[in-house]
Amino acid sequence: NSTLNISDLVIATGAHSTHTLFRDFNNSIISGIPDFKLTYMLLKNIEKFNFKIHYGAIVTSEFFYESNFDLYHKFLEYNTLAVEMETYPLFLISNKNKIKSASLLTVSDLVFQQKRGDKEILQKGIDNMIKFVLDTIVENYDYMIKGIEE
C-alpha cells in the first residue's frame, strides 16, 4: 500500500492467505478474522498515542520474499494493506480453539519499492508497538483474560 511507511503500525481487521493449509474447508475457503472486541480495543486505544497507524485487511504469504509481485498487486486491488507470514493461521487456530486474537504489525519493508527499513527506524516501530500493546493490555486486562464465549 502506497500510504504505508517503514515503522508505521498496522492493525489487521482480517487476513487473506496465499497458504494452501486451510484452503480445503469443505470445498470453501475460511476467512481469517480477529476477535472483534480485542481489535476494537486496539483501534480505540491508539488515540492516546501519536503513532502512524493503519487498519484493514492484510495478506499472509507462504514466502518471505516473492520472485515477482503479481499476486500482491491483485491483493492490493482489494484494498489489502500489507503482507506478512503469521496472521491468517493465528486467526483460524484462535477461532477454532475459542481464544481471542488480534494482529498488530510493524512495517519493516516496502515490498513494491524493494526497500527495507534500517535498524534504527525498525527499532522505533517495534518500540512503539510494544508500548501500545502493553498499554492496551493494562487498560483491558479483564476482557483479555476471559474466554471467548463470555
N, C-alpha and C. Protein backbone atom coordinates (compact mmCIF):
# COMPACT_ATOMS: atom_id res chain seq x y z
N ASN A 1 0.85 -1.17 0.00
CA ASN A 1 0.00 0.00 0.00
C ASN A 1 0.89 1.23 0.00
N SER A 2 0.60 2.20 -0.85
CA SER A 2 1.47 3.36 -1.01
C SER A 2 1.42 4.34 0.15
N THR A 3 0.44 4.21 1.05
CA THR A 3 0.37 5.13 2.18
C THR A 3 1.18 4.65 3.37
N LEU A 4 1.67 3.42 3.35
CA LEU A 4 2.45 2.89 4.46
C LEU A 4 3.90 3.35 4.37
N ASN A 5 4.49 3.59 5.54
CA ASN A 5 5.91 3.90 5.63
C ASN A 5 6.56 2.96 6.62
N ILE A 6 7.84 2.79 6.49
CA ILE A 6 8.58 1.92 7.41
C ILE A 6 8.43 2.46 8.82
N SER A 7 8.15 1.57 9.75
CA SER A 7 7.92 1.77 11.19
C SER A 7 6.47 2.13 11.53
N ASP A 8 5.59 2.32 10.51
CA ASP A 8 4.18 2.51 10.80
C ASP A 8 3.61 1.23 11.41
N LEU A 9 2.51 1.36 12.13
CA LEU A 9 1.83 0.21 12.71
C LEU A 9 0.59 -0.13 11.89
N VAL A 10 0.27 -1.42 11.82
CA VAL A 10 -0.90 -1.91 11.09
C VAL A 10 -1.69 -2.82 12.01
N ILE A 11 -2.98 -2.53 12.17
CA ILE A 11 -3.90 -3.41 12.89
C ILE A 11 -4.67 -4.19 11.84
N ALA A 12 -4.55 -5.52 11.86
CA ALA A 12 -5.23 -6.37 10.88
C ALA A 12 -6.68 -6.57 11.30
N THR A 13 -7.60 -6.15 10.44
CA THR A 13 -9.03 -6.37 10.69
C THR A 13 -9.52 -7.64 10.02
N GLY A 14 -8.65 -8.28 9.29
CA GLY A 14 -8.93 -9.56 8.63
C GLY A 14 -7.67 -9.97 7.89
N ALA A 15 -7.60 -11.26 7.53
CA ALA A 15 -6.40 -11.75 6.85
C ALA A 15 -6.78 -12.65 5.68
N HIS A 16 -6.22 -12.33 4.53
CA HIS A 16 -6.29 -13.20 3.36
C HIS A 16 -5.08 -14.14 3.44
N SER A 17 -5.02 -15.12 2.55
CA SER A 17 -3.90 -16.05 2.60
C SER A 17 -3.49 -16.53 1.22
N THR A 18 -2.19 -16.72 1.06
CA THR A 18 -1.66 -17.43 -0.10
C THR A 18 -1.38 -18.88 0.26
N HIS A 19 -1.61 -19.24 1.52
CA HIS A 19 -1.35 -20.59 2.01
C HIS A 19 -2.37 -21.59 1.47
N THR A 20 -1.95 -22.82 1.36
CA THR A 20 -2.87 -23.88 0.98
C THR A 20 -3.34 -24.68 2.19
N LEU A 21 -2.78 -24.41 3.35
CA LEU A 21 -3.06 -25.19 4.55
C LEU A 21 -4.55 -25.26 4.89
N PHE A 22 -5.26 -24.14 4.79
CA PHE A 22 -6.67 -24.11 5.17
C PHE A 22 -7.60 -23.95 3.97
N ARG A 23 -7.13 -24.18 2.76
CA ARG A 23 -7.93 -23.95 1.57
C ARG A 23 -9.08 -24.94 1.42
N ASP A 24 -8.87 -26.17 1.80
CA ASP A 24 -9.91 -27.16 1.59
C ASP A 24 -10.77 -27.28 2.84
N PHE A 25 -11.70 -26.38 2.96
CA PHE A 25 -12.63 -26.33 4.09
C PHE A 25 -14.00 -26.67 3.53
N ASN A 26 -14.22 -27.97 3.31
CA ASN A 26 -15.44 -28.44 2.66
C ASN A 26 -15.66 -27.72 1.33
N ASN A 27 -14.61 -27.68 0.52
CA ASN A 27 -14.63 -27.01 -0.79
C ASN A 27 -14.89 -25.50 -0.70
N SER A 28 -14.58 -24.93 0.44
CA SER A 28 -14.72 -23.49 0.65
C SER A 28 -13.40 -22.96 1.21
N ILE A 29 -13.34 -21.66 1.34
CA ILE A 29 -12.17 -21.03 1.94
C ILE A 29 -12.65 -20.31 3.20
N ILE A 30 -12.02 -20.59 4.32
CA ILE A 30 -12.40 -19.97 5.57
C ILE A 30 -11.68 -18.63 5.73
N SER A 31 -12.39 -17.65 6.25
CA SER A 31 -11.83 -16.31 6.43
C SER A 31 -10.99 -16.23 7.70
N GLY A 32 -9.95 -15.42 7.65
CA GLY A 32 -9.13 -15.15 8.83
C GLY A 32 -9.64 -13.88 9.50
N ILE A 33 -10.34 -14.04 10.61
CA ILE A 33 -10.99 -12.92 11.29
C ILE A 33 -10.49 -12.84 12.73
N PRO A 34 -10.09 -11.65 13.18
CA PRO A 34 -9.67 -11.50 14.58
C PRO A 34 -10.87 -11.37 15.51
N ASP A 35 -10.61 -11.40 16.79
CA ASP A 35 -11.64 -11.10 17.78
C ASP A 35 -12.03 -9.63 17.60
N PHE A 36 -13.30 -9.38 17.35
CA PHE A 36 -13.74 -8.02 17.06
C PHE A 36 -13.47 -7.06 18.22
N LYS A 37 -13.86 -7.47 19.42
CA LYS A 37 -13.75 -6.56 20.57
C LYS A 37 -12.28 -6.25 20.87
N LEU A 38 -11.42 -7.25 20.81
CA LEU A 38 -10.00 -7.02 21.06
C LEU A 38 -9.40 -6.09 20.00
N THR A 39 -9.77 -6.30 18.75
CA THR A 39 -9.31 -5.43 17.68
C THR A 39 -9.83 -4.01 17.86
N TYR A 40 -11.09 -3.89 18.26
CA TYR A 40 -11.67 -2.58 18.54
C TYR A 40 -10.92 -1.89 19.68
N MET A 41 -10.55 -2.66 20.70
CA MET A 41 -9.79 -2.07 21.82
C MET A 41 -8.46 -1.50 21.34
N LEU A 42 -7.80 -2.21 20.43
CA LEU A 42 -6.56 -1.68 19.85
C LEU A 42 -6.84 -0.39 19.09
N LEU A 43 -7.87 -0.41 18.25
CA LEU A 43 -8.20 0.79 17.46
C LEU A 43 -8.55 1.97 18.36
N LYS A 44 -9.30 1.72 19.41
CA LYS A 44 -9.70 2.78 20.32
C LYS A 44 -8.50 3.30 21.11
N ASN A 45 -7.63 2.42 21.53
CA ASN A 45 -6.50 2.81 22.38
C ASN A 45 -5.45 3.62 21.62
N ILE A 46 -5.38 3.48 20.31
CA ILE A 46 -4.35 4.17 19.54
C ILE A 46 -4.52 5.69 19.63
N GLU A 47 -5.72 6.15 19.95
CA GLU A 47 -5.98 7.59 20.06
C GLU A 47 -5.09 8.25 21.10
N LYS A 48 -4.62 7.49 22.08
CA LYS A 48 -3.76 8.02 23.15
C LYS A 48 -2.32 8.24 22.69
N PHE A 49 -1.97 7.67 21.55
CA PHE A 49 -0.59 7.71 21.09
C PHE A 49 -0.47 8.53 19.80
N ASN A 50 0.71 8.99 19.55
CA ASN A 50 0.96 9.75 18.34
C ASN A 50 1.73 8.89 17.33
N PHE A 51 1.25 7.66 17.12
CA PHE A 51 1.89 6.74 16.19
C PHE A 51 1.11 6.75 14.88
N LYS A 52 1.83 6.56 13.79
CA LYS A 52 1.16 6.43 12.50
C LYS A 52 0.59 5.01 12.42
N ILE A 53 -0.72 4.92 12.33
CA ILE A 53 -1.40 3.62 12.37
C ILE A 53 -2.32 3.47 11.16
N HIS A 54 -2.41 2.26 10.67
CA HIS A 54 -3.30 1.91 9.56
C HIS A 54 -4.09 0.69 10.02
N TYR A 55 -5.27 0.51 9.50
CA TYR A 55 -6.04 -0.69 9.82
C TYR A 55 -6.80 -1.15 8.60
N GLY A 56 -6.89 -2.47 8.48
CA GLY A 56 -7.59 -3.08 7.36
C GLY A 56 -7.09 -4.49 7.16
N ALA A 57 -7.48 -5.08 6.04
CA ALA A 57 -7.11 -6.46 5.73
C ALA A 57 -5.63 -6.53 5.32
N ILE A 58 -5.01 -7.64 5.67
CA ILE A 58 -3.63 -7.93 5.28
C ILE A 58 -3.62 -9.29 4.58
N VAL A 59 -2.49 -9.65 4.00
CA VAL A 59 -2.36 -10.97 3.39
C VAL A 59 -1.19 -11.70 4.04
N THR A 60 -1.43 -12.95 4.38
CA THR A 60 -0.38 -13.82 4.91
C THR A 60 0.18 -14.63 3.74
N SER A 61 1.48 -14.55 3.58
CA SER A 61 2.15 -15.22 2.47
C SER A 61 2.95 -16.41 2.96
N GLU A 62 3.12 -17.38 2.08
CA GLU A 62 3.95 -18.55 2.39
C GLU A 62 5.43 -18.26 2.22
N PHE A 63 5.75 -17.17 1.55
CA PHE A 63 7.14 -16.91 1.19
C PHE A 63 7.63 -15.63 1.83
N PHE A 64 8.89 -15.65 2.27
CA PHE A 64 9.47 -14.45 2.87
C PHE A 64 9.66 -13.38 1.80
N TYR A 65 10.17 -13.76 0.66
CA TYR A 65 10.28 -12.84 -0.48
C TYR A 65 9.79 -13.54 -1.73
N GLU A 66 8.91 -12.90 -2.47
CA GLU A 66 8.38 -13.43 -3.73
C GLU A 66 9.35 -13.09 -4.86
N SER A 67 9.36 -13.92 -5.90
CA SER A 67 10.19 -13.62 -7.07
C SER A 67 9.57 -12.52 -7.92
N ASN A 68 8.22 -12.41 -7.89
CA ASN A 68 7.54 -11.27 -8.53
C ASN A 68 6.35 -10.92 -7.65
N PHE A 69 5.77 -9.78 -7.93
CA PHE A 69 4.73 -9.25 -7.04
C PHE A 69 3.34 -9.24 -7.66
N ASP A 70 3.12 -10.05 -8.69
CA ASP A 70 1.82 -10.08 -9.36
C ASP A 70 0.68 -10.40 -8.40
N LEU A 71 0.86 -11.41 -7.57
CA LEU A 71 -0.18 -11.78 -6.61
C LEU A 71 -0.44 -10.66 -5.61
N TYR A 72 0.62 -10.02 -5.13
CA TYR A 72 0.44 -8.91 -4.18
C TYR A 72 -0.30 -7.75 -4.82
N HIS A 73 -0.04 -7.49 -6.10
CA HIS A 73 -0.78 -6.43 -6.80
C HIS A 73 -2.27 -6.77 -6.88
N LYS A 74 -2.60 -8.05 -7.06
CA LYS A 74 -4.01 -8.45 -7.08
C LYS A 74 -4.66 -8.21 -5.72
N PHE A 75 -3.95 -8.56 -4.65
CA PHE A 75 -4.49 -8.30 -3.31
C PHE A 75 -4.64 -6.80 -3.06
N LEU A 76 -3.71 -6.01 -3.56
CA LEU A 76 -3.78 -4.55 -3.40
C LEU A 76 -5.04 -4.00 -4.06
N GLU A 77 -5.46 -4.59 -5.18
CA GLU A 77 -6.69 -4.15 -5.84
C GLU A 77 -7.91 -4.29 -4.93
N TYR A 78 -7.82 -5.18 -3.94
CA TYR A 78 -8.90 -5.39 -2.97
C TYR A 78 -8.59 -4.70 -1.64
N ASN A 79 -7.81 -3.63 -1.71
CA ASN A 79 -7.51 -2.77 -0.56
C ASN A 79 -6.77 -3.50 0.55
N THR A 80 -5.92 -4.45 0.20
CA THR A 80 -5.10 -5.15 1.18
C THR A 80 -3.91 -4.26 1.53
N LEU A 81 -3.69 -4.07 2.83
CA LEU A 81 -2.69 -3.11 3.29
C LEU A 81 -1.25 -3.61 3.27
N ALA A 82 -1.05 -4.86 3.70
CA ALA A 82 0.32 -5.30 3.95
C ALA A 82 0.43 -6.81 3.76
N VAL A 83 1.66 -7.29 3.71
CA VAL A 83 1.99 -8.70 3.57
C VAL A 83 2.80 -9.11 4.80
N GLU A 84 2.47 -10.27 5.35
CA GLU A 84 3.25 -10.83 6.46
C GLU A 84 3.10 -12.34 6.42
N MET A 85 3.52 -13.06 7.48
CA MET A 85 3.60 -14.51 7.38
C MET A 85 2.87 -15.31 8.46
N GLU A 86 2.18 -14.68 9.41
CA GLU A 86 1.62 -15.45 10.52
C GLU A 86 0.15 -15.22 10.84
N THR A 87 -0.41 -14.10 10.47
CA THR A 87 -1.72 -13.69 10.99
C THR A 87 -2.86 -14.62 10.59
N TYR A 88 -2.93 -15.03 9.33
CA TYR A 88 -4.04 -15.88 8.89
C TYR A 88 -4.17 -17.15 9.72
N PRO A 89 -3.12 -17.96 9.87
CA PRO A 89 -3.29 -19.16 10.71
C PRO A 89 -3.51 -18.81 12.19
N LEU A 90 -2.95 -17.71 12.66
CA LEU A 90 -3.22 -17.28 14.04
C LEU A 90 -4.71 -17.07 14.25
N PHE A 91 -5.36 -16.36 13.33
CA PHE A 91 -6.79 -16.11 13.46
C PHE A 91 -7.59 -17.41 13.38
N LEU A 92 -7.27 -18.28 12.44
CA LEU A 92 -8.02 -19.52 12.29
C LEU A 92 -7.87 -20.44 13.49
N ILE A 93 -6.66 -20.63 13.93
CA ILE A 93 -6.41 -21.51 15.09
C ILE A 93 -7.04 -20.93 16.34
N SER A 94 -6.95 -19.62 16.52
CA SER A 94 -7.57 -18.97 17.68
C SER A 94 -9.08 -19.15 17.66
N ASN A 95 -9.70 -18.92 16.51
CA ASN A 95 -11.15 -19.08 16.44
C ASN A 95 -11.57 -20.52 16.69
N LYS A 96 -10.85 -21.45 16.12
CA LYS A 96 -11.19 -22.86 16.33
C LYS A 96 -11.11 -23.25 17.80
N ASN A 97 -10.14 -22.70 18.52
CA ASN A 97 -9.92 -23.05 19.92
C ASN A 97 -10.56 -22.05 20.89
N LYS A 98 -11.38 -21.14 20.35
CA LYS A 98 -12.12 -20.16 21.15
C LYS A 98 -11.18 -19.32 22.02
N ILE A 99 -10.13 -18.83 21.37
CA ILE A 99 -9.14 -17.95 22.01
C ILE A 99 -9.19 -16.61 21.29
N LYS A 100 -9.18 -15.52 22.05
CA LYS A 100 -9.18 -14.20 21.43
C LYS A 100 -7.84 -13.94 20.76
N SER A 101 -7.88 -13.32 19.59
CA SER A 101 -6.63 -12.94 18.93
C SER A 101 -6.83 -11.63 18.17
N ALA A 102 -5.74 -10.94 18.02
CA ALA A 102 -5.67 -9.72 17.21
C ALA A 102 -4.27 -9.70 16.62
N SER A 103 -4.06 -8.87 15.62
CA SER A 103 -2.75 -8.79 15.00
C SER A 103 -2.35 -7.34 14.82
N LEU A 104 -1.22 -7.00 15.42
CA LEU A 104 -0.62 -5.67 15.29
C LEU A 104 0.74 -5.87 14.67
N LEU A 105 1.01 -5.16 13.59
CA LEU A 105 2.24 -5.35 12.82
C LEU A 105 3.02 -4.04 12.74
N THR A 106 4.33 -4.15 12.58
CA THR A 106 5.19 -3.01 12.30
C THR A 106 5.69 -3.15 10.88
N VAL A 107 5.56 -2.10 10.09
CA VAL A 107 6.03 -2.13 8.70
C VAL A 107 7.55 -2.14 8.69
N SER A 108 8.12 -3.20 8.10
CA SER A 108 9.59 -3.33 8.04
C SER A 108 10.13 -3.14 6.64
N ASP A 109 9.28 -3.39 5.64
CA ASP A 109 9.70 -3.31 4.24
C ASP A 109 8.60 -2.63 3.43
N LEU A 110 9.01 -1.99 2.36
CA LEU A 110 8.08 -1.50 1.34
C LEU A 110 8.27 -2.42 0.14
N VAL A 111 7.38 -3.40 0.01
CA VAL A 111 7.57 -4.51 -0.92
C VAL A 111 7.75 -4.05 -2.36
N PHE A 112 6.83 -3.21 -2.84
CA PHE A 112 6.89 -2.84 -4.25
C PHE A 112 8.11 -1.97 -4.57
N GLN A 113 8.59 -1.22 -3.59
CA GLN A 113 9.81 -0.41 -3.80
C GLN A 113 11.07 -1.20 -3.49
N GLN A 114 10.90 -2.43 -2.96
CA GLN A 114 12.01 -3.28 -2.55
C GLN A 114 12.95 -2.53 -1.62
N LYS A 115 12.35 -1.91 -0.61
CA LYS A 115 13.09 -1.11 0.36
C LYS A 115 12.88 -1.69 1.75
N ARG A 116 13.97 -1.93 2.45
CA ARG A 116 13.94 -2.44 3.83
C ARG A 116 14.36 -1.32 4.76
N GLY A 117 13.67 -1.23 5.89
CA GLY A 117 14.00 -0.20 6.88
C GLY A 117 15.32 -0.46 7.56
N ASP A 118 16.02 0.61 7.91
CA ASP A 118 17.27 0.41 8.63
C ASP A 118 16.96 0.10 10.10
N LYS A 119 17.95 -0.37 10.79
CA LYS A 119 17.79 -0.90 12.14
C LYS A 119 17.15 0.11 13.10
N GLU A 120 17.57 1.36 13.04
CA GLU A 120 17.06 2.37 13.97
C GLU A 120 15.57 2.67 13.73
N ILE A 121 15.19 2.76 12.47
CA ILE A 121 13.79 3.03 12.15
C ILE A 121 12.90 1.85 12.54
N LEU A 122 13.37 0.63 12.25
CA LEU A 122 12.61 -0.56 12.64
C LEU A 122 12.48 -0.65 14.16
N GLN A 123 13.55 -0.34 14.88
CA GLN A 123 13.51 -0.40 16.35
C GLN A 123 12.49 0.59 16.89
N LYS A 124 12.40 1.77 16.29
CA LYS A 124 11.40 2.76 16.70
C LYS A 124 10.00 2.19 16.55
N GLY A 125 9.71 1.56 15.40
CA GLY A 125 8.39 0.98 15.18
C GLY A 125 8.08 -0.14 16.15
N ILE A 126 9.05 -0.99 16.41
CA ILE A 126 8.85 -2.09 17.35
C ILE A 126 8.66 -1.57 18.77
N ASP A 127 9.45 -0.56 19.16
CA ASP A 127 9.27 0.04 20.49
C ASP A 127 7.88 0.65 20.63
N ASN A 128 7.41 1.35 19.59
CA ASN A 128 6.05 1.92 19.62
C ASN A 128 5.01 0.82 19.76
N MET A 129 5.20 -0.28 19.02
CA MET A 129 4.25 -1.38 19.07
C MET A 129 4.21 -1.99 20.48
N ILE A 130 5.35 -2.18 21.09
CA ILE A 130 5.41 -2.77 22.43
C ILE A 130 4.71 -1.85 23.45
N LYS A 131 5.00 -0.56 23.41
CA LYS A 131 4.34 0.39 24.32
C LYS A 131 2.82 0.34 24.14
N PHE A 132 2.40 0.33 22.90
CA PHE A 132 0.99 0.34 22.58
C PHE A 132 0.29 -0.93 23.06
N VAL A 133 0.90 -2.09 22.81
CA VAL A 133 0.31 -3.37 23.22
C VAL A 133 0.24 -3.46 24.75
N LEU A 134 1.32 -3.11 25.42
CA LEU A 134 1.31 -3.19 26.88
C LEU A 134 0.27 -2.26 27.49
N ASP A 135 0.13 -1.07 26.95
CA ASP A 135 -0.88 -0.15 27.44
C ASP A 135 -2.29 -0.70 27.20
N THR A 136 -2.50 -1.29 26.03
CA THR A 136 -3.81 -1.86 25.71
C THR A 136 -4.13 -3.03 26.64
N ILE A 137 -3.15 -3.84 26.95
CA ILE A 137 -3.35 -4.96 27.88
C ILE A 137 -3.74 -4.44 29.26
N VAL A 138 -3.02 -3.45 29.75
CA VAL A 138 -3.32 -2.90 31.08
C VAL A 138 -4.72 -2.31 31.11
N GLU A 139 -5.09 -1.58 30.06
CA GLU A 139 -6.40 -0.93 30.00
C GLU A 139 -7.55 -1.93 29.88
N ASN A 140 -7.29 -3.11 29.33
CA ASN A 140 -8.37 -4.06 29.01
C ASN A 140 -8.10 -5.45 29.57
N TYR A 141 -7.38 -5.53 30.64
CA TYR A 141 -6.93 -6.81 31.18
C TYR A 141 -8.10 -7.75 31.48
N ASP A 142 -9.14 -7.25 32.10
CA ASP A 142 -10.27 -8.12 32.47
C ASP A 142 -10.88 -8.81 31.26
N TYR A 143 -11.04 -8.09 30.15
CA TYR A 143 -11.60 -8.72 28.95
C TYR A 143 -10.64 -9.75 28.38
N MET A 144 -9.37 -9.44 28.40
CA MET A 144 -8.39 -10.32 27.76
C MET A 144 -8.22 -11.66 28.47
N ILE A 145 -8.46 -11.71 29.76
CA ILE A 145 -8.27 -12.98 30.46
C ILE A 145 -9.53 -13.84 30.45
N LYS A 146 -10.65 -13.28 30.03
CA LYS A 146 -11.89 -14.07 29.94
C LYS A 146 -11.89 -14.89 28.67
N GLY A 147 -12.61 -15.98 28.68
CA GLY A 147 -12.73 -16.82 27.49
C GLY A 147 -13.53 -16.14 26.41
N ILE A 148 -13.41 -16.61 25.20
CA ILE A 148 -14.08 -16.00 24.05
C ILE A 148 -15.60 -16.13 24.13
N GLU A 149 -16.09 -17.10 24.86
CA GLU A 149 -17.55 -17.31 24.94
C GLU A 149 -18.21 -16.40 25.96
N GLU A 150 -17.41 -15.74 26.80
CA GLU A 150 -18.00 -14.91 27.85
C GLU A 150 -18.43 -13.56 27.33
